[in-house]
């Protein structure tokens, strides 16, 4: 009897020791609800500076590494269609026709917002003012020199040079281009009818650069140049940006505060497919948009697992909630409560074999 009792006691102590060790061994390590330790994403260069910070912090908190490739929104959309990444990012939302090409459908989650700045490199000119018409005519090739009478009228106190304008644009499929060309289409009937809006258009003039990084490089390397990049790129690279006349006729610099104003009162659709262009807010900057994460609505597709699908949704939920605290320090506009609420409903609509993953 004593032997039996001692044996039972030994087993009890052994089990207790195992629980103690397993409980203590991970007490100081990042905790994750999933065994997935790496996820892959690709797309938007617009959001890359923010994602770099967010994913660094996410790894510290959750122990999950995010491998994100800044290949442009067009590349991100293609990766979603091909199923080659765990998530995609784009500053352009997909059309209904494009979404039909993705089996099971697409969910569009806004993850932040920001301004598209008009960056330029004119030696001796630090306070350039433009409006929508001037911008469209420059990109149409109708305004060819910096001392064009229309630009001189907008900038009566600036010493605009008699120099050809070097126009820079994106060469890849780009959500920044999507935002920018939608703005030009609003401002110029000629642009709308002859060129139109999209992630990629047939540019009448200019030099193409891959990614926001490529356009930034063209502007820095070429005097008398102009281009469009997400605000953070112009700030981080110390490039001068133009002030834009908005709908109220006010001259507005691209800043975090003026971008925030552009989103105030913006009516958000339930699918989050929205832009903030030509705002009526007199203090708002007129060229702004959301940046999005694109996900399969039905996550059971070839090569995916339920565990990985849950890990992706955990990541996206963190981005639109806890991760928002990293937006403002990098000059991105954080999501409003309404946007987060819409996003959460969209996340809850994502399924595995037709059943919601988030409960």
Protein backbone atom coordinates (compact mmCIF):
# COMPACT_ATOMS: atom_id res chain seq x y z
CA UNK A 1 0.00 0.00 0.00
CA UNK A 2 2.83 2.37 0.92
CA UNK A 3 4.54 1.63 -2.42
CA UNK A 4 1.36 2.52 -4.29
CA UNK A 5 0.97 5.76 -2.35
CA UNK A 6 4.60 6.71 -2.96
CA UNK A 7 4.20 5.92 -6.66
CA UNK A 8 1.09 8.08 -6.92
CA UNK A 9 2.83 10.86 -5.04
CA UNK A 10 5.77 10.65 -7.44
CA UNK A 11 3.50 10.89 -10.46
CA UNK A 12 1.69 13.87 -8.92
CA UNK A 13 4.96 15.68 -8.23
CA UNK A 14 6.23 14.95 -11.74
CA UNK A 15 3.05 16.32 -13.36
CA UNK A 16 3.14 19.39 -11.11
CA UNK A 17 6.77 20.01 -12.06
CA UNK A 18 5.96 19.79 -15.79
CA UNK A 19 3.13 22.31 -15.46
CA UNK A 20 5.36 24.63 -13.42
CA UNK A 21 8.21 24.55 -15.94
CA UNK A 22 5.95 24.99 -18.96
CA UNK A 23 4.16 27.86 -17.27
CA UNK A 24 7.37 29.64 -16.28
CA UNK A 25 9.40 29.07 -19.43
CA UNK A 26 7.33 31.44 -21.56
CA UNK A 27 6.42 33.98 -18.93
CA UNK A 28 8.76 36.65 -20.32
CA UNK A 29 8.24 35.83 -24.00
CA UNK A 30 5.78 37.55 -26.38
CA UNK A 31 2.47 35.70 -26.35
CA UNK A 32 0.58 34.87 -29.54
CA UNK A 33 -2.82 33.23 -29.93
CA UNK A 34 -1.38 31.29 -32.86
CA UNK A 35 1.56 28.99 -33.56
CA UNK A 36 2.12 30.91 -36.82
CA UNK A 37 5.34 32.88 -36.40
CA UNK A 38 5.62 34.57 -39.81
CA UNK A 39 3.19 36.17 -42.23
CA UNK A 40 3.82 37.64 -45.67
CA UNK A 41 2.29 40.71 -47.25
CA UNK A 42 2.91 42.89 -50.29
CA UNK A 43 1.64 45.98 -52.04
CA UNK A 44 1.34 49.68 -51.20
CA UNK A 45 4.49 51.76 -50.91
CA UNK A 46 2.28 54.61 -49.63
CA UNK A 47 1.84 52.80 -46.30
CA UNK A 48 5.31 51.23 -46.12
CA UNK A 49 6.82 53.67 -43.56
CA UNK A 50 3.86 53.08 -41.23
CA UNK A 51 3.82 49.32 -41.72
CA UNK A 52 7.56 49.16 -40.98
CA UNK A 53 6.92 50.66 -37.56
CA UNK A 54 3.73 48.71 -36.89
CA UNK A 55 5.24 45.36 -37.80
CA UNK A 56 8.32 46.01 -35.67
CA UNK A 57 6.07 46.62 -32.67
CA UNK A 58 3.79 43.69 -33.52
CA UNK A 59 6.73 41.30 -33.45
CA UNK A 60 7.71 42.62 -30.00
CA UNK A 61 4.17 42.21 -28.67
CA UNK A 62 3.04 39.01 -30.37
CA UNK A 63 6.20 37.21 -31.45
CA UNK A 64 5.00 37.12 -35.08
CA UNK A 65 7.28 38.41 -37.83
CA UNK A 66 5.68 40.18 -40.81
CA UNK A 67 7.58 40.03 -44.09
CA UNK A 68 6.14 42.92 -46.11
CA UNK A 69 7.29 43.83 -49.63
CA UNK A 70 6.70 47.41 -50.86
CA UNK A 71 5.96 46.55 -54.51
CA UNK A 72 3.14 48.99 -55.23
CA UNK A 73 -0.62 48.61 -54.95
CA UNK A 74 -0.91 47.00 -58.37
CA UNK A 75 1.50 44.29 -57.27
CA UNK A 76 -0.45 43.84 -54.06
CA UNK A 77 -3.71 43.36 -55.97
CA UNK A 78 -2.06 40.80 -58.24
CA UNK A 79 -0.66 38.95 -55.20
CA UNK A 80 -4.19 38.77 -53.75
CA UNK A 81 -5.53 37.32 -57.00
CA UNK A 82 -2.69 34.79 -57.17
CA UNK A 83 -2.85 33.85 -53.50
CA UNK A 84 0.92 34.29 -53.16
CA UNK A 85 0.83 36.34 -49.93
CA UNK A 86 -1.12 36.13 -46.70
CA UNK A 87 -2.47 39.66 -47.13
CA UNK A 88 -2.21 42.50 -49.63
CA UNK A 89 -2.10 46.27 -49.22
CA UNK A 90 -3.35 48.89 -51.64
CA UNK A 91 -4.32 52.56 -51.64
CA UNK A 92 -6.73 51.75 -54.44
CA UNK A 93 -9.86 49.78 -53.75
CA UNK A 94 -10.74 47.18 -56.33
CA UNK A 95 -13.66 47.59 -58.71
CA UNK A 96 -16.55 45.14 -58.57
CA UNK A 97 -15.30 43.61 -61.81
CA UNK A 98 -11.79 43.12 -60.39
CA UNK A 99 -13.19 41.49 -57.26
CA UNK A 100 -15.11 38.96 -59.36
CA UNK A 101 -11.73 37.60 -60.50
CA UNK A 102 -10.95 36.56 -56.91
CA UNK A 103 -12.70 33.31 -55.92
CA UNK A 104 -14.81 33.84 -52.81
CA UNK A 105 -14.70 37.64 -53.06
CA UNK A 106 -12.67 40.42 -51.45
CA UNK A 107 -12.94 42.40 -48.21
CA UNK A 108 -11.46 45.91 -48.13
CA UNK A 109 -10.18 47.04 -44.72
CA UNK A 110 -9.01 50.64 -44.25
CA UNK A 111 -5.86 50.63 -42.10
CA UNK A 112 -4.92 54.33 -42.09
CA UNK A 113 -5.26 57.49 -44.16
CA UNK A 114 -2.95 60.15 -45.49
CA UNK A 115 -2.13 62.92 -47.93
CA UNK A 116 -0.54 62.74 -51.36
CA UNK A 117 1.95 65.61 -51.40
CA UNK A 118 3.11 67.42 -54.53
CA UNK A 119 6.86 67.39 -54.13
CA UNK A 120 9.14 69.57 -56.24
CA UNK A 121 12.75 70.62 -56.72
CA UNK A 122 13.07 74.22 -57.94
CA UNK A 123 16.30 75.86 -56.73
CA UNK A 124 15.46 79.11 -54.92
CA UNK A 125 11.69 78.49 -54.78
CA UNK A 126 10.41 77.27 -51.43
CA UNK A 127 6.78 78.39 -51.39
CA UNK A 128 5.14 77.13 -54.58
CA UNK A 129 1.35 77.40 -54.87
CA UNK A 130 -0.65 75.21 -57.26
CA UNK A 131 -4.28 74.41 -57.95
CA UNK A 132 -5.98 71.44 -59.57
CA UNK A 133 -6.02 72.99 -63.04
CA UNK A 134 -2.30 73.80 -62.93
CA UNK A 135 -1.45 70.29 -61.78
CA UNK A 136 -3.55 68.66 -64.48
CA UNK A 137 -2.08 70.90 -67.20
CA UNK A 138 1.48 70.13 -66.05
CA UNK A 139 0.80 66.39 -66.25
CA UNK A 140 -1.00 66.82 -69.59
CA UNK A 141 2.12 68.55 -70.94
CA UNK A 142 0.22 71.78 -71.60
CA UNK A 143 2.22 73.75 -69.03
CA UNK A 144 5.81 73.07 -70.03
CA UNK A 145 7.88 75.70 -68.18
CA UNK A 146 7.98 76.94 -64.62
CA UNK A 147 7.45 80.55 -65.69
CA UNK A 148 4.21 79.74 -67.54
CA UNK A 149 1.80 82.71 -67.17
CA UNK A 150 -0.74 80.59 -65.26
CA UNK A 151 1.86 79.53 -62.68
CA UNK A 152 3.17 83.11 -62.41
CA UNK A 153 -0.38 84.29 -61.69
CA UNK A 154 -0.68 81.73 -58.89
CA UNK A 155 2.75 82.72 -57.53
CA UNK A 156 3.10 86.50 -57.96
CA UNK A 157 5.92 86.83 -55.40
CA UNK A 158 7.96 83.78 -56.48
CA UNK A 159 10.88 83.98 -58.87
CA UNK A 160 9.80 81.14 -61.15
CA UNK A 161 12.60 80.19 -63.58
CA UNK A 162 12.47 79.95 -67.36
CA UNK A 163 13.18 76.22 -67.16
CA UNK A 164 11.40 73.13 -68.56
CA UNK A 165 9.37 71.20 -66.00
CA UNK A 166 10.65 67.67 -65.35
CA UNK A 167 7.53 65.62 -64.58
CA UNK A 168 7.82 62.49 -62.42
CA UNK A 169 5.18 59.80 -62.08
CA UNK A 170 4.86 56.18 -61.02
CA UNK A 171 5.85 53.52 -63.54
CA UNK A 172 4.19 50.67 -61.62
CA UNK A 173 0.61 49.97 -60.64
CA UNK A 174 0.08 52.40 -57.77
CA UNK A 175 -2.60 53.32 -55.27
CA UNK A 176 -0.94 56.73 -54.90
CA UNK A 177 -1.50 57.13 -58.64
CA UNK A 178 -5.10 56.02 -58.10
CA UNK A 179 -5.67 58.81 -55.56
CA UNK A 180 -3.75 61.38 -57.63
CA UNK A 181 -5.44 60.64 -60.98
CA UNK A 182 -8.88 60.60 -59.36
CA UNK A 183 -8.10 64.10 -58.09
CA UNK A 184 -6.94 65.25 -61.54
CA UNK A 185 -10.13 63.80 -63.05
CA UNK A 186 -12.20 65.88 -60.62
CA UNK A 187 -10.24 69.04 -61.42
CA UNK A 188 -9.90 68.73 -65.20
CA UNK A 189 -12.56 67.53 -67.65
CA UNK A 190 -9.80 67.17 -70.25
CA UNK A 191 -7.82 64.87 -67.96
CA UNK A 192 -10.93 62.85 -67.14
CA UNK A 193 -11.87 62.38 -70.81
CA UNK A 194 -8.39 61.76 -72.24
CA UNK A 195 -6.47 59.99 -69.45
CA UNK A 196 -8.84 59.06 -66.64
CA UNK A 197 -8.12 57.54 -63.24
CA UNK A 198 -6.58 54.25 -62.18
CA UNK A 199 -3.62 52.54 -60.57
CA UNK A 200 -1.85 52.81 -63.92
CA UNK A 201 -2.56 55.28 -66.74
CA UNK A 202 -1.01 56.25 -70.07
CA UNK A 203 1.00 59.29 -69.00
CA UNK A 204 1.26 62.03 -71.67
CA UNK A 205 4.65 63.24 -70.36
CA UNK A 206 7.29 62.56 -67.74
CA UNK A 207 9.75 60.13 -66.19
CA UNK A 208 8.52 56.98 -64.44
CA UNK A 209 9.81 55.75 -61.09
CA UNK A 210 9.02 52.46 -59.38
CA UNK A 211 7.31 52.95 -56.06
CA UNK A 212 7.14 56.13 -53.99
CA UNK A 213 10.85 55.52 -53.46
CA UNK A 214 11.48 55.79 -57.22
CA UNK A 215 9.51 59.02 -57.67
CA UNK A 216 11.26 60.49 -54.62
CA UNK A 217 14.65 59.67 -56.18
CA UNK A 218 13.72 61.34 -59.50
CA UNK A 219 12.71 64.54 -57.73
CA UNK A 220 15.84 64.66 -55.57
CA UNK A 221 18.14 64.01 -58.51
CA UNK A 222 16.55 66.36 -61.06
CA UNK A 223 16.39 70.14 -60.57
CA UNK A 224 13.13 71.75 -61.82
CA UNK A 225 11.18 68.53 -61.26
CA UNK A 226 7.76 67.80 -59.79
CA UNK A 227 6.08 64.59 -58.64
CA UNK A 228 3.53 63.10 -56.26
CA UNK A 229 4.40 61.01 -53.20
CA UNK A 230 2.83 60.11 -49.88
CA UNK A 231 3.49 62.90 -47.36
CA UNK A 232 5.84 60.84 -45.17
CA UNK A 233 8.23 60.29 -48.09
CA UNK A 234 8.58 64.02 -48.74
CA UNK A 235 9.13 64.71 -45.03
CA UNK A 236 11.64 61.91 -44.48
CA UNK A 237 13.56 62.86 -47.64
CA UNK A 238 13.48 66.62 -46.95
CA UNK A 239 11.78 67.44 -50.24
CA UNK A 240 9.87 70.72 -50.58
CA UNK A 241 6.13 70.36 -51.15
CA UNK A 242 3.66 72.66 -52.89
CA UNK A 243 0.69 74.27 -51.20
CA UNK A 244 -2.62 73.53 -52.90
CA UNK A 245 -5.67 75.72 -53.36
CA UNK A 246 -8.68 73.85 -52.03
CA UNK A 247 -12.38 74.14 -52.89
CA UNK A 248 -12.79 77.12 -50.54
CA UNK A 249 -9.95 78.92 -52.33
CA UNK A 250 -7.61 78.63 -49.36
CA UNK A 251 -3.94 77.79 -49.86
CA UNK A 252 -3.20 74.67 -47.80
CA UNK A 253 0.10 72.89 -47.11
CA UNK A 254 0.09 69.09 -46.87
CA UNK A 255 0.38 68.33 -43.16
CA UNK A 256 -1.04 65.83 -40.72
CA UNK A 257 -3.49 68.45 -39.45
CA UNK A 258 -4.74 69.52 -42.91
CA UNK A 259 -5.12 65.85 -43.89
CA UNK A 260 -7.16 65.23 -40.73
CA UNK A 261 -9.45 68.10 -41.72
CA UNK A 262 -10.04 66.50 -45.12
CA UNK A 263 -11.53 63.42 -43.43
CA UNK A 264 -13.74 65.31 -40.97
CA UNK A 265 -17.37 64.77 -41.91
CA UNK A 266 -16.50 62.38 -44.73
CA UNK A 267 -19.42 60.02 -45.30
CA UNK A 268 -18.07 56.48 -45.13
CA UNK A 269 -19.68 53.65 -47.09
CA UNK A 270 -20.07 50.32 -45.33
CA UNK A 271 -17.53 48.71 -47.71
CA UNK A 272 -14.98 51.49 -46.89
CA UNK A 273 -14.33 52.24 -50.57
CA UNK A 274 -13.83 55.99 -50.24
CA UNK A 275 -11.45 58.84 -51.07
CA UNK A 276 -11.13 62.29 -49.50
CA UNK A 277 -10.66 64.50 -52.54
CA UNK A 278 -11.46 68.18 -53.07
CA UNK A 279 -12.75 68.49 -49.52
CA UNK A 280 -15.29 71.15 -48.63
CA UNK A 281 -13.53 71.77 -45.32
CA UNK A 282 -11.86 75.19 -45.70
CA UNK A 283 -8.86 73.98 -43.67
CA UNK A 284 -8.54 70.63 -45.45
CA UNK A 285 -5.87 69.51 -47.89
CA UNK A 286 -7.54 68.40 -51.15
CA UNK A 287 -5.58 65.24 -52.15
CA UNK A 288 -6.13 62.55 -49.50
CA UNK A 289 -7.16 58.93 -49.33
CA UNK A 290 -7.26 55.77 -47.27
CA UNK A 291 -4.80 52.95 -47.53
CA UNK A 292 -6.30 49.48 -47.38
CA UNK A 293 -5.60 45.86 -46.54
CA UNK A 294 -7.22 43.52 -49.06
CA UNK A 295 -8.25 40.06 -47.88
CA UNK A 296 -10.04 37.06 -49.33
CA UNK A 297 -13.62 37.05 -48.06
CA UNK A 298 -13.50 33.23 -48.10
CA UNK A 299 -10.14 32.32 -46.58
CA UNK A 300 -10.21 28.61 -47.49
CA UNK A 301 -8.23 28.81 -50.73
CA UNK A 302 -5.36 26.64 -52.06
CA UNK A 303 -2.23 26.88 -49.91
CA UNK A 304 -3.91 28.52 -46.92
CA UNK A 305 -4.63 27.03 -43.49
CA UNK A 306 -7.22 27.91 -40.89
CA UNK A 307 -4.46 28.66 -38.38
CA UNK A 308 -2.81 31.12 -40.79
CA UNK A 309 -6.18 32.71 -41.62
CA UNK A 310 -6.77 33.32 -37.90
CA UNK A 311 -3.26 34.79 -37.55
CA UNK A 312 -3.92 37.22 -40.43
CA UNK A 313 -7.19 38.38 -38.88
CA UNK A 314 -5.45 38.81 -35.50
CA UNK A 315 -2.85 41.01 -37.22
CA UNK A 316 -5.40 43.13 -39.08
CA UNK A 317 -7.53 43.56 -35.96
CA UNK A 318 -4.41 44.79 -34.10
CA UNK A 319 -3.53 47.21 -36.94
CA UNK A 320 -6.95 48.90 -36.89
CA UNK A 321 -7.08 49.12 -33.09
CA UNK A 322 -3.86 49.06 -31.02
CA UNK A 323 -1.66 49.80 -34.04
CA UNK A 324 -3.35 53.14 -34.73
CA UNK A 325 -1.26 54.82 -32.02
CA UNK A 326 1.73 54.75 -34.41
CA UNK A 327 -0.01 56.73 -37.19
CA UNK A 328 0.40 60.35 -36.15
CA UNK A 329 4.11 60.22 -35.37
CA UNK A 330 4.64 59.23 -39.02
CA UNK A 331 2.13 61.80 -40.39
CA UNK A 332 -0.65 59.34 -41.19
CA UNK A 333 -4.23 60.05 -40.17
CA UNK A 334 -5.54 57.45 -37.70
CA UNK A 335 -8.89 55.82 -38.35
CA UNK A 336 -12.02 57.37 -36.90
CA UNK A 337 -14.29 55.34 -34.61
CA UNK A 338 -16.77 55.00 -37.47
CA UNK A 339 -14.05 53.64 -39.76
CA UNK A 340 -12.89 51.12 -37.13
CA UNK A 341 -16.49 50.01 -36.52
CA UNK A 342 -17.00 49.49 -40.27
CA UNK A 343 -13.71 47.61 -40.49
CA UNK A 344 -14.66 45.28 -37.64
CA UNK A 345 -17.96 44.38 -39.32
CA UNK A 346 -16.05 43.62 -42.51
CA UNK A 347 -13.53 41.45 -40.61
CA UNK A 348 -16.39 39.55 -39.00
CA UNK A 349 -17.78 38.78 -42.47
CA UNK A 350 -14.65 36.80 -43.44
CA UNK A 351 -15.25 33.06 -43.52
CA UNK A 352 -13.67 29.61 -43.60
CA UNK A 353 -15.88 27.16 -45.48
CA UNK A 354 -18.68 29.70 -45.24
CA UNK A 355 -18.49 30.09 -41.43
CA UNK A 356 -17.22 33.31 -39.76
CA UNK A 357 -13.66 33.01 -38.46
CA UNK A 358 -13.98 35.74 -35.84
CA UNK A 359 -16.56 35.00 -33.16
